[in-house]
Amino acid sequence: MDRLEKYKCSIITGGLSKASLNFMKTDNIVYVVTRDGRRIEEENYPTHAQAKDRADILRALLSEWDPSSARSVSVVKTDKPRRIR
């Protein structure tokens, strides 16, 4: 790898090595409530039951206004919650 490639890698990773990036990777599984594939809030739930409770509340609220949109609410299991927009 020449100097330019090393410089580009350094900029992309913020100067962190691959070992540092792997160390920072978390294996924490969380649950996110989504509607039409997008987050409804920033909250990450540690258990499926908590996320399901929140999704049920949202479905009940949506059912009052538009019953067909209540089906678009789902719970997503992920270890990268920030990737869900």
Protein backbone atom coordinates (compact mmCIF):
# COMPACT_ATOMS: atom_id res chain seq x y z
CA MET A 1 0.00 0.00 0.00
CA ASP A 2 1.51 3.30 -1.01
CA ARG A 3 1.44 6.47 1.06
CA LEU A 4 -1.63 7.92 -0.70
CA GLU A 5 -3.68 4.78 -0.06
CA LYS A 6 -2.62 4.77 3.61
CA TYR A 7 -3.62 8.42 3.88
CA LYS A 8 -7.05 7.69 2.33
CA CYS A 9 -7.58 4.77 4.72
CA SER A 10 -6.58 6.96 7.63
CA ILE A 11 -9.12 9.62 6.63
CA ILE A 12 -11.92 7.08 6.12
CA THR A 13 -11.38 5.34 9.46
CA GLY A 14 -10.60 8.51 11.35
CA GLY A 15 -7.04 7.33 11.92
CA LEU A 16 -8.10 4.09 13.62
CA SER A 17 -6.58 0.76 12.73
CA LYS A 18 -8.65 -2.30 11.78
CA ALA A 19 -7.91 -3.79 15.19
CA SER A 20 -9.33 -0.70 16.87
CA LEU A 21 -12.42 -0.76 14.67
CA ASN A 22 -13.06 -4.43 15.46
CA PHE A 23 -12.61 -3.74 19.16
CA MET A 24 -15.17 -0.93 19.02
CA LYS A 25 -17.72 -3.14 17.29
CA THR A 26 -20.48 -4.07 19.69
CA ASP A 27 -22.46 -7.27 19.59
CA ASN A 28 -25.34 -5.79 21.53
CA ILE A 29 -28.63 -6.82 20.01
CA VAL A 30 -31.40 -4.24 20.30
CA TYR A 31 -34.90 -3.90 18.91
CA VAL A 32 -36.16 -0.90 16.98
CA VAL A 33 -39.78 -0.06 16.20
CA THR A 34 -40.29 1.01 12.60
CA ARG A 35 -43.13 2.18 10.39
CA ASP A 36 -42.74 1.64 6.67
CA GLY A 37 -39.12 0.65 7.30
CA ARG A 38 -38.23 3.89 9.09
CA ARG A 39 -37.67 4.50 12.79
CA ILE A 40 -40.55 5.99 14.72
CA GLU A 41 -38.23 7.29 17.45
CA GLU A 42 -34.60 7.22 18.57
CA GLU A 43 -35.33 4.70 21.32
CA ASN A 44 -33.61 1.30 21.15
CA TYR A 45 -35.27 -1.43 23.20
CA PRO A 46 -33.18 -4.11 24.94
CA THR A 47 -35.92 -6.76 24.73
CA HIS A 48 -38.37 -7.82 22.06
CA ALA A 49 -41.22 -7.61 24.58
CA GLN A 50 -40.57 -3.91 25.26
CA ALA A 51 -40.39 -3.12 21.56
CA LYS A 52 -43.56 -5.12 20.90
CA ASP A 53 -45.42 -3.21 23.62
CA ARG A 54 -44.38 0.09 22.02
CA ALA A 55 -45.37 -1.19 18.56
CA ASP A 56 -48.79 -2.27 19.89
CA ILE A 57 -49.39 1.21 21.33
CA LEU A 58 -48.46 2.79 18.00
CA ARG A 59 -50.70 0.36 16.07
CA ALA A 60 -53.64 1.21 18.35
CA LEU A 61 -53.07 4.92 17.80
CA LEU A 62 -52.77 4.51 14.04
CA SER A 63 -55.88 2.33 13.91
CA GLU A 64 -57.94 5.29 15.12
CA TRP A 65 -56.85 7.41 12.16
CA ASP A 66 -55.99 4.99 9.35
CA PRO A 67 -56.48 1.27 10.05
CA SER A 68 -54.53 0.21 6.94
CA SER A 69 -51.35 1.97 8.13
CA ALA A 70 -51.29 -0.02 11.39
CA ARG A 71 -49.98 -3.01 9.41
CA SER A 72 -46.84 -1.06 8.46
CA VAL A 73 -45.50 -1.06 12.04
CA SER A 74 -42.86 -3.68 12.80
CA VAL A 75 -40.12 -4.57 15.26
CA VAL A 76 -36.61 -4.96 13.83
CA LYS A 77 -33.85 -6.92 15.59
CA THR A 78 -30.43 -5.40 14.90
CA ASP A 79 -26.90 -4.95 16.19
CA LYS A 80 -26.52 -1.73 14.16
CA PRO A 81 -29.46 0.46 15.21
CA ARG A 82 -27.98 3.64 13.75
CA ARG A 83 -28.24 2.16 10.26
CA ILE A 84 -32.02 2.16 10.50
CA ARG A 85 -33.15 5.63 9.51
